[in-house]
Amino acid sequence: MSRTGTWRPVLSRSVLLRHDRVRGADLLVLPERVVVLRGAAGHIVRLCDGSHDVQGIVDELGARFPDAPVADEVPVFLGKLRGEGWLG
């Protein structure tokens, strides 16, 4: 397992990111389960395409949301998704 800083998160094969227009929310669609993403979670997950490492995701989101505590919160959030098996 790579260190968090050099890890390039990507959605696991069985996980799809979708936007639900009715709910106005981004969703992670998993086998037999749907997870509703709240707040900026959809913005974070969209950057999990395998081309950005964690620092790149933090930098991108920091530029978009300069007042948000992305450097502290994004790596923790990504680690939780990885722990669930939703990110590889």
PDB file of N, CA and C in Angstrom:
ATOM      1  N   MET A   1       0.852  -1.169   0.000  1.00  0.00           N
ATOM      2  CA  MET A   1       0.000   0.000   0.000  1.00  0.00           C
ATOM      3  C   MET A   1       0.894   1.227   0.000  1.00  0.00           C
ATOM      4  N   SER A   2       0.576   2.166  -0.883  1.00  0.00           N
ATOM      5  CA  SER A   2       1.405   3.359  -0.981  1.00  0.00           C
ATOM      6  C   SER A   2       1.085   4.344   0.130  1.00  0.00           C
ATOM      7  N   ARG A   3       2.011   5.253   0.358  1.00  0.00           N
ATOM      8  CA  ARG A   3       1.752   6.313   1.325  1.00  0.00           C
ATOM      9  C   ARG A   3       0.623   7.184   0.795  1.00  0.00           C
ATOM     10  N   THR A   4      -0.109   7.814   1.694  1.00  0.00           N
ATOM     11  CA  THR A   4      -1.246   8.634   1.300  1.00  0.00           C
ATOM     12  C   THR A   4      -0.840   9.730   0.323  1.00  0.00           C
ATOM     13  N   GLY A   5       0.315  10.343   0.510  1.00  0.00           N
ATOM     14  CA  GLY A   5       0.746  11.443  -0.344  1.00  0.00           C
ATOM     15  C   GLY A   5       0.986  11.049  -1.787  1.00  0.00           C
ATOM     16  N   THR A   6       1.434   9.832  -2.045  1.00  0.00           N
ATOM     17  CA  THR A   6       1.720   9.406  -3.407  1.00  0.00           C
ATOM     18  C   THR A   6       0.608   8.548  -4.005  1.00  0.00           C
ATOM     19  N   TRP A   7      -0.378   8.229  -3.208  1.00  0.00           N
ATOM     20  CA  TRP A   7      -1.518   7.434  -3.659  1.00  0.00           C
ATOM     21  C   TRP A   7      -2.344   8.235  -4.663  1.00  0.00           C
ATOM     22  N   ARG A   8      -2.737   7.608  -5.746  1.00  0.00           N
ATOM     23  CA  ARG A   8      -3.573   8.234  -6.765  1.00  0.00           C
ATOM     24  C   ARG A   8      -4.949   7.560  -6.709  1.00  0.00           C
ATOM     25  N   PRO A   9      -5.858   8.129  -5.920  1.00  0.00           N
ATOM     26  CA  PRO A   9      -7.152   7.478  -5.711  1.00  0.00           C
ATOM     27  C   PRO A   9      -7.961   7.338  -6.998  1.00  0.00           C
ATOM     28  N   VAL A  10      -8.632   6.215  -7.098  1.00  0.00           N
ATOM     29  CA  VAL A  10      -9.535   5.945  -8.216  1.00  0.00           C
ATOM     30  C   VAL A  10     -10.693   5.118  -7.659  1.00  0.00           C
ATOM     31  N   LEU A  11     -11.890   5.336  -8.189  1.00  0.00           N
ATOM     32  CA  LEU A  11     -13.040   4.564  -7.726  1.00  0.00           C
ATOM     33  C   LEU A  11     -12.814   3.083  -7.991  1.00  0.00           C
ATOM     34  N   SER A  12     -13.219   2.269  -7.050  1.00  0.00           N
ATOM     35  CA  SER A  12     -13.139   0.821  -7.227  1.00  0.00           C
ATOM     36  C   SER A  12     -14.056   0.403  -8.374  1.00  0.00           C
ATOM     37  N   ARG A  13     -13.778  -0.738  -8.957  1.00  0.00           N
ATOM     38  CA  ARG A  13     -14.538  -1.216 -10.120  1.00  0.00           C
ATOM     39  C   ARG A  13     -16.040  -1.268  -9.900  1.00  0.00           C
ATOM     40  N   SER A  14     -16.448  -1.630  -8.711  1.00  0.00           N
ATOM     41  CA  SER A  14     -17.874  -1.818  -8.438  1.00  0.00           C
ATOM     42  C   SER A  14     -18.585  -0.539  -7.999  1.00  0.00           C
ATOM     43  N   VAL A  15     -17.896   0.606  -8.052  1.00  0.00           N
ATOM     44  CA  VAL A  15     -18.451   1.875  -7.564  1.00  0.00           C
ATOM     45  C   VAL A  15     -18.594   2.859  -8.726  1.00  0.00           C
ATOM     46  N   LEU A  16     -19.768   3.468  -8.818  1.00  0.00           N
ATOM     47  CA  LEU A  16     -20.028   4.479  -9.836  1.00  0.00           C
ATOM     48  C   LEU A  16     -20.396   5.784  -9.155  1.00  0.00           C
ATOM     49  N   LEU A  17     -19.955   6.894  -9.715  1.00  0.00           N
ATOM     50  CA  LEU A  17     -20.347   8.215  -9.239  1.00  0.00           C
ATOM     51  C   LEU A  17     -21.418   8.727 -10.182  1.00  0.00           C
ATOM     52  N   ARG A  18     -22.567   9.084  -9.631  1.00  0.00           N
ATOM     53  CA  ARG A  18     -23.694   9.595 -10.406  1.00  0.00           C
ATOM     54  C   ARG A  18     -24.245  10.838  -9.731  1.00  0.00           C
ATOM     55  N   HIS A  19     -24.885  11.693 -10.517  1.00  0.00           N
ATOM     56  CA  HIS A  19     -25.582  12.857  -9.951  1.00  0.00           C
ATOM     57  C   HIS A  19     -27.075  12.607 -10.060  1.00  0.00           C
ATOM     58  N   ASP A  20     -27.772  12.740  -8.962  1.00  0.00           N
ATOM     59  CA  ASP A  20     -29.222  12.571  -8.911  1.00  0.00           C
ATOM     60  C   ASP A  20     -29.850  13.954  -8.979  1.00  0.00           C
ATOM     61  N   ARG A  21     -30.453  14.266 -10.117  1.00  0.00           N
ATOM     62  CA  ARG A  21     -31.048  15.595 -10.293  1.00  0.00           C
ATOM     63  C   ARG A  21     -32.236  15.807  -9.370  1.00  0.00           C
ATOM     64  N   VAL A  22     -32.964  14.753  -9.061  1.00  0.00           N
ATOM     65  CA  VAL A  22     -34.132  14.874  -8.179  1.00  0.00           C
ATOM     66  C   VAL A  22     -33.685  15.283  -6.779  1.00  0.00           C
ATOM     67  N   ARG A  23     -32.684  14.612  -6.251  1.00  0.00           N
ATOM     68  CA  ARG A  23     -32.160  14.933  -4.919  1.00  0.00           C
ATOM     69  C   ARG A  23     -31.230  16.128  -4.934  1.00  0.00           C
ATOM     70  N   GLY A  24     -30.719  16.459  -6.109  1.00  0.00           N
ATOM     71  CA  GLY A  24     -29.715  17.514  -6.197  1.00  0.00           C
ATOM     72  C   GLY A  24     -28.443  17.122  -5.482  1.00  0.00           C
ATOM     73  N   ALA A  25     -28.101  15.833  -5.565  1.00  0.00           N
ATOM     74  CA  ALA A  25     -26.953  15.308  -4.819  1.00  0.00           C
ATOM     75  C   ALA A  25     -26.157  14.338  -5.673  1.00  0.00           C
ATOM     76  N   ASP A  26     -24.871  14.249  -5.351  1.00  0.00           N
ATOM     77  CA  ASP A  26     -24.026  13.231  -5.968  1.00  0.00           C
ATOM     78  C   ASP A  26     -24.179  11.943  -5.174  1.00  0.00           C
ATOM     79  N   LEU A  27     -24.086  10.824  -5.883  1.00  0.00           N
ATOM     80  CA  LEU A  27     -24.272   9.509  -5.274  1.00  0.00           C
ATOM     81  C   LEU A  27     -23.115   8.596  -5.633  1.00  0.00           C
ATOM     82  N   LEU A  28     -22.758   7.736  -4.705  1.00  0.00           N
ATOM     83  CA  LEU A  28     -21.899   6.603  -5.017  1.00  0.00           C
ATOM     84  C   LEU A  28     -22.838   5.415  -5.132  1.00  0.00           C
ATOM     85  N   VAL A  29     -22.848   4.800  -6.295  1.00  0.00           N
ATOM     86  CA  VAL A  29     -23.713   3.660  -6.531  1.00  0.00           C
ATOM     87  C   VAL A  29     -22.857   2.406  -6.429  1.00  0.00           C
ATOM     88  N   LEU A  30     -23.194   1.579  -5.436  1.00  0.00           N
ATOM     89  CA  LEU A  30     -22.456   0.352  -5.165  1.00  0.00           C
ATOM     90  C   LEU A  30     -23.411  -0.823  -5.355  1.00  0.00           C
ATOM     91  N   PRO A  31     -22.892  -2.019  -5.430  1.00  0.00           N
ATOM     92  CA  PRO A  31     -23.794  -3.163  -5.508  1.00  0.00           C
ATOM     93  C   PRO A  31     -24.739  -3.175  -4.298  1.00  0.00           C
ATOM     94  N   GLU A  32     -26.016  -3.120  -4.568  1.00  0.00           N
ATOM     95  CA  GLU A  32     -27.062  -3.211  -3.542  1.00  0.00           C
ATOM     96  C   GLU A  32     -27.028  -2.077  -2.525  1.00  0.00           C
ATOM     97  N   ARG A  33     -26.417  -0.933  -2.873  1.00  0.00           N
ATOM     98  CA  ARG A  33     -26.335   0.174  -1.929  1.00  0.00           C
ATOM     99  C   ARG A  33     -26.089   1.473  -2.681  1.00  0.00           C
ATOM    100  N   VAL A  34     -26.649   2.553  -2.166  1.00  0.00           N
ATOM    101  CA  VAL A  34     -26.398   3.893  -2.698  1.00  0.00           C
ATOM    102  C   VAL A  34     -25.977   4.779  -1.531  1.00  0.00           C
ATOM    103  N   VAL A  35     -24.905   5.522  -1.711  1.00  0.00           N
ATOM    104  CA  VAL A  35     -24.416   6.437  -0.687  1.00  0.00           C
ATOM    105  C   VAL A  35     -24.597   7.858  -1.215  1.00  0.00           C
ATOM    106  N   VAL A  36     -25.337   8.672  -0.476  1.00  0.00           N
ATOM    107  CA  VAL A  36     -25.548  10.067  -0.846  1.00  0.00           C
ATOM    108  C   VAL A  36     -24.367  10.880  -0.328  1.00  0.00           C
ATOM    109  N   LEU A  37     -23.724  11.606  -1.237  1.00  0.00           N
ATOM    110  CA  LEU A  37     -22.579  12.440  -0.877  1.00  0.00           C
ATOM    111  C   LEU A  37     -23.072  13.842  -0.543  1.00  0.00           C
ATOM    112  N   ARG A  38     -22.636  14.359   0.556  1.00  0.00           N
ATOM    113  CA  ARG A  38     -23.074  15.676   1.021  1.00  0.00           C
ATOM    114  C   ARG A  38     -21.938  16.691   0.893  1.00  0.00           C
ATOM    115  N   GLY A  39     -22.320  17.952   0.853  1.00  0.00           N
ATOM    116  CA  GLY A  39     -21.331  19.020   0.816  1.00  0.00           C
ATOM    117  C   GLY A  39     -20.410  18.909  -0.388  1.00  0.00           C
ATOM    118  N   ALA A  40     -19.130  19.057  -0.144  1.00  0.00           N
ATOM    119  CA  ALA A  40     -18.128  19.043  -1.218  1.00  0.00           C
ATOM    120  C   ALA A  40     -17.652  17.641  -1.573  1.00  0.00           C
ATOM    121  N   ALA A  41     -18.264  16.616  -0.997  1.00  0.00           N
ATOM    122  CA  ALA A  41     -17.793  15.242  -1.227  1.00  0.00           C
ATOM    123  C   ALA A  41     -17.781  14.875  -2.707  1.00  0.00           C
ATOM    124  N   GLY A  42     -18.792  15.300  -3.453  1.00  0.00           N
ATOM    125  CA  GLY A  42     -18.826  15.005  -4.889  1.00  0.00           C
ATOM    126  C   GLY A  42     -17.666  15.644  -5.626  1.00  0.00           C
ATOM    127  N   HIS A  43     -17.308  16.871  -5.249  1.00  0.00           N
ATOM    128  CA  HIS A  43     -16.163  17.548  -5.873  1.00  0.00           C
ATOM    129  C   HIS A  43     -14.882  16.751  -5.622  1.00  0.00           C
ATOM    130  N   ILE A  44     -14.753  16.229  -4.423  1.00  0.00           N
ATOM    131  CA  ILE A  44     -13.567  15.452  -4.067  1.00  0.00           C
ATOM    132  C   ILE A  44     -13.518  14.153  -4.868  1.00  0.00           C
ATOM    133  N   VAL A  45     -14.624  13.431  -4.873  1.00  0.00           N
ATOM    134  CA  VAL A  45     -14.650  12.125  -5.539  1.00  0.00           C
ATOM    135  C   VAL A  45     -14.447  12.265  -7.047  1.00  0.00           C
ATOM    136  N   ARG A  46     -14.937  13.345  -7.640  1.00  0.00           N
ATOM    137  CA  ARG A  46     -14.740  13.555  -9.084  1.00  0.00           C
ATOM    138  C   ARG A  46     -13.259  13.629  -9.452  1.00  0.00           C
ATOM    139  N   LEU A  47     -12.440  14.072  -8.518  1.00  0.00           N
ATOM    140  CA  LEU A  47     -11.000  14.168  -8.780  1.00  0.00           C
ATOM    141  C   LEU A  47     -10.278  12.832  -8.558  1.00  0.00           C
ATOM    142  N   CYS A  48     -10.996  11.836  -8.115  1.00  0.00           N
ATOM    143  CA  CYS A  48     -10.408  10.507  -7.885  1.00  0.00           C
ATOM    144  C   CYS A  48     -10.478   9.701  -9.170  1.00  0.00           C
ATOM    145  N   ASP A  49      -9.667  10.115 -10.137  1.00  0.00           N
ATOM    146  CA  ASP A  49      -9.672   9.489 -11.457  1.00  0.00           C
ATOM    147  C   ASP A  49      -8.361   8.766 -11.772  1.00  0.00           C
ATOM    148  N   GLY A  50      -7.504   8.681 -10.763  1.00  0.00           N
ATOM    149  CA  GLY A  50      -6.227   7.998 -10.953  1.00  0.00           C
ATOM    150  C   GLY A  50      -5.131   8.888 -11.506  1.00  0.00           C
ATOM    151  N   SER A  51      -5.488  10.103 -11.935  1.00  0.00           N
ATOM    152  CA  SER A  51      -4.459  10.988 -12.482  1.00  0.00           C
ATOM    153  C   SER A  51      -3.945  11.991 -11.454  1.00  0.00           C
ATOM    154  N   HIS A  52      -4.671  12.152 -10.340  1.00  0.00           N
ATOM    155  CA  HIS A  52      -4.262  13.066  -9.272  1.00  0.00           C
ATOM    156  C   HIS A  52      -3.811  12.278  -8.052  1.00  0.00           C
ATOM    157  N   ASP A  53      -2.685  12.676  -7.468  1.00  0.00           N
ATOM    158  CA  ASP A  53      -2.351  12.113  -6.160  1.00  0.00           C
ATOM    159  C   ASP A  53      -3.104  12.927  -5.108  1.00  0.00           C
ATOM    160  N   VAL A  54      -3.019  12.522  -3.854  1.00  0.00           N
ATOM    161  CA  VAL A  54      -3.768  13.194  -2.799  1.00  0.00           C
ATOM    162  C   VAL A  54      -3.396  14.671  -2.720  1.00  0.00           C
ATOM    163  N   GLN A  55      -2.116  14.993  -2.817  1.00  0.00           N
ATOM    164  CA  GLN A  55      -1.704  16.394  -2.763  1.00  0.00           C
ATOM    165  C   GLN A  55      -2.270  17.177  -3.939  1.00  0.00           C
ATOM    166  N   GLY A  56      -2.330  16.564  -5.103  1.00  0.00           N
ATOM    167  CA  GLY A  56      -2.915  17.227  -6.271  1.00  0.00           C
ATOM    168  C   GLY A  56      -4.390  17.518  -6.076  1.00  0.00           C
ATOM    169  N   ILE A  57      -5.097  16.598  -5.447  1.00  0.00           N
ATOM    170  CA  ILE A  57      -6.516  16.805  -5.150  1.00  0.00           C
ATOM    171  C   ILE A  57      -6.667  17.951  -4.155  1.00  0.00           C
ATOM    172  N   VAL A  58      -5.839  17.947  -3.113  1.00  0.00           N
ATOM    173  CA  VAL A  58      -5.866  19.024  -2.116  1.00  0.00           C
ATOM    174  C   VAL A  58      -5.568  20.366  -2.787  1.00  0.00           C
ATOM    175  N   ASP A  59      -4.565  20.414  -3.648  1.00  0.00           N
ATOM    176  CA  ASP A  59      -4.198  21.660  -4.324  1.00  0.00           C
ATOM    177  C   ASP A  59      -5.336  22.167  -5.208  1.00  0.00           C
ATOM    178  N   GLU A  60      -5.931  21.273  -5.978  1.00  0.00           N
ATOM    179  CA  GLU A  60      -7.039  21.636  -6.868  1.00  0.00           C
ATOM    180  C   GLU A  60      -8.217  22.192  -6.078  1.00  0.00           C
ATOM    181  N   LEU A  61      -8.599  21.496  -5.023  1.00  0.00           N
ATOM    182  CA  LEU A  61      -9.731  21.943  -4.213  1.00  0.00           C
ATOM    183  C   LEU A  61      -9.404  23.210  -3.429  1.00  0.00           C
ATOM    184  N   GLY A  62      -8.151  23.348  -2.994  1.00  0.00           N
ATOM    185  CA  GLY A  62      -7.734  24.562  -2.304  1.00  0.00           C
ATOM    186  C   GLY A  62      -7.839  25.782  -3.202  1.00  0.00           C
ATOM    187  N   ALA A  63      -7.554  25.610  -4.494  1.00  0.00           N
ATOM    188  CA  ALA A  63      -7.683  26.713  -5.443  1.00  0.00           C
ATOM    189  C   ALA A  63      -9.152  27.064  -5.682  1.00  0.00           C
ATOM    190  N   ARG A  64     -10.007  26.048  -5.729  1.00  0.00           N
ATOM    191  CA  ARG A  64     -11.446  26.269  -5.956  1.00  0.00           C
ATOM    192  C   ARG A  64     -12.144  26.842  -4.726  1.00  0.00           C
ATOM    193  N   PHE A  65     -11.741  26.375  -3.556  1.00  0.00           N
ATOM    194  CA  PHE A  65     -12.387  26.739  -2.297  1.00  0.00           C
ATOM    195  C   PHE A  65     -11.324  27.248  -1.317  1.00  0.00           C
ATOM    196  N   PRO A  66     -10.834  28.464  -1.537  1.00  0.00           N
ATOM    197  CA  PRO A  66      -9.679  28.939  -0.758  1.00  0.00           C
ATOM    198  C   PRO A  66      -9.901  29.055   0.749  1.00  0.00           C
ATOM    199  N   ASP A  67     -11.123  29.184   1.197  1.00  0.00           N
ATOM    200  CA  ASP A  67     -11.373  29.326   2.641  1.00  0.00           C
ATOM    201  C   ASP A  67     -11.687  28.001   3.326  1.00  0.00           C
ATOM    202  N   ALA A  68     -11.755  26.922   2.562  1.00  0.00           N
ATOM    203  CA  ALA A  68     -12.094  25.613   3.132  1.00  0.00           C
ATOM    204  C   ALA A  68     -10.833  24.922   3.675  1.00  0.00           C
ATOM    205  N   PRO A  69     -10.978  24.147   4.730  1.00  0.00           N
ATOM    206  CA  PRO A  69      -9.828  23.443   5.334  1.00  0.00           C
ATOM    207  C   PRO A  69      -9.492  22.146   4.598  1.00  0.00           C
ATOM    208  N   VAL A  70      -9.271  22.242   3.294  1.00  0.00           N
ATOM    209  CA  VAL A  70      -9.089  21.040   2.483  1.00  0.00           C
ATOM    210  C   VAL A  70      -7.834  20.256   2.856  1.00  0.00           C
ATOM    211  N   ALA A  71      -6.766  20.925   3.226  1.00  0.00           N
ATOM    212  CA  ALA A  71      -5.516  20.219   3.541  1.00  0.00           C
ATOM    213  C   ALA A  71      -5.685  19.278   4.728  1.00  0.00           C
ATOM    214  N   ASP A  72      -6.558  19.632   5.652  1.00  0.00           N
ATOM    215  CA  ASP A  72      -6.791  18.790   6.824  1.00  0.00           C
ATOM    216  C   ASP A  72      -7.867  17.741   6.569  1.00  0.00           C
ATOM    217  N   GLU A  73      -8.925  18.119   5.867  1.00  0.00           N
ATOM    218  CA  GLU A  73     -10.098  17.258   5.764  1.00  0.00           C
ATOM    219  C   GLU A  73     -10.096  16.288   4.584  1.00  0.00           C
ATOM    220  N   VAL A  74      -9.552  16.701   3.451  1.00  0.00           N
ATOM    221  CA  VAL A  74      -9.612  15.843   2.264  1.00  0.00           C
ATOM    222  C   VAL A  74      -8.843  14.536   2.441  1.00  0.00           C
ATOM    223  N   PRO A  75      -7.595  14.537   2.938  1.00  0.00           N
ATOM    224  CA  PRO A  75      -6.902  13.255   3.118  1.00  0.00           C
ATOM    225  C   PRO A  75      -7.645  12.309   4.072  1.00  0.00           C
ATOM    226  N   VAL A  76      -8.260  12.860   5.114  1.00  0.00           N
ATOM    227  CA  VAL A  76      -9.025  12.027   6.053  1.00  0.00           C
ATOM    228  C   VAL A  76     -10.228  11.421   5.350  1.00  0.00           C
ATOM    229  N   PHE A  77     -10.964  12.243   4.596  1.00  0.00           N
ATOM    230  CA  PHE A  77     -12.131  11.766   3.858  1.00  0.00           C
ATOM    231  C   PHE A  77     -11.738  10.670   2.863  1.00  0.00           C
ATOM    232  N   LEU A  78     -10.668  10.893   2.107  1.00  0.00           N
ATOM    233  CA  LEU A  78     -10.217   9.892   1.138  1.00  0.00           C
ATOM    234  C   LEU A  78      -9.811   8.601   1.843  1.00  0.00           C
ATOM    235  N   GLY A  79      -9.170   8.727   2.996  1.00  0.00           N
ATOM    236  CA  GLY A  79      -8.794   7.543   3.766  1.00  0.00           C
ATOM    237  C   GLY A  79     -10.007   6.747   4.209  1.00  0.00           C
ATOM    238  N   LYS A  80     -11.079   7.442   4.585  1.00  0.00           N
ATOM    239  CA  LYS A  80     -12.314   6.746   4.984  1.00  0.00           C
ATOM    240  C   LYS A  80     -12.929   6.014   3.803  1.00  0.00           C
ATOM    241  N   LEU A  81     -12.952   6.657   2.628  1.00  0.00           N
ATOM    242  CA  LEU A  81     -13.488   5.987   1.435  1.00  0.00           C
ATOM    243  C   LEU A  81     -12.636   4.781   1.059  1.00  0.00           C
ATOM    244  N   ARG A  82     -11.339   4.921   1.214  1.00  0.00           N
ATOM    245  CA  ARG A  82     -10.429   3.800   0.926  1.00  0.00           C
ATOM    246  C   ARG A  82     -10.684   2.659   1.918  1.00  0.00           C
ATOM    247  N   GLY A  83     -10.886   3.002   3.181  1.00  0.00           N
ATOM    248  CA  GLY A  83     -11.168   2.013   4.189  1.00  0.00           C
ATOM    249  C   GLY A  83     -12.467   1.237   3.926  1.00  0.00           C
ATOM    250  N   GLU A  84     -13.428   1.914   3.315  1.00  0.00           N
ATOM    251  CA  GLU A  84     -14.693   1.260   2.954  1.00  0.00           C
ATOM    252  C   GLU A  84     -14.526   0.363   1.723  1.00  0.00           C
ATOM    253  N   GLY A  85     -13.400   0.527   1.030  1.00  0.00           N
ATOM    254  CA  GLY A  85     -13.177  -0.250  -0.195  1.00  0.00           C
ATOM    255  C   GLY A  85     -13.733   0.412  -1.437  1.00  0.00           C
ATOM    256  N   TRP A  86     -14.131   1.683  -1.322  1.00  0.00           N
ATOM    257  CA  TRP A  86     -14.732   2.390  -2.447  1.00  0.00           C
ATOM    258  C   TRP A  86     -13.703   3.055  -3.332  1.00  0.00           C
ATOM    259  N   LEU A  87     -12.487   3.241  -2.820  1.00  0.00           N
ATOM    260  CA  LEU A  87     -11.383   3.793  -3.598  1.00  0.00           C
ATOM    261  C   LEU A  87     -10.226   2.814  -3.591  1.00  0.00           C
ATOM    262  N   GLY A  88      -9.551   2.765  -4.702  1.00  0.00           N
ATOM    263  CA  GLY A  88      -8.355   1.944  -4.807  1.00  0.00           C
ATOM    264  C   GLY A  88      -7.158   2.792  -5.024  1.00  0.00           C
TER     265      GLY A  88
END
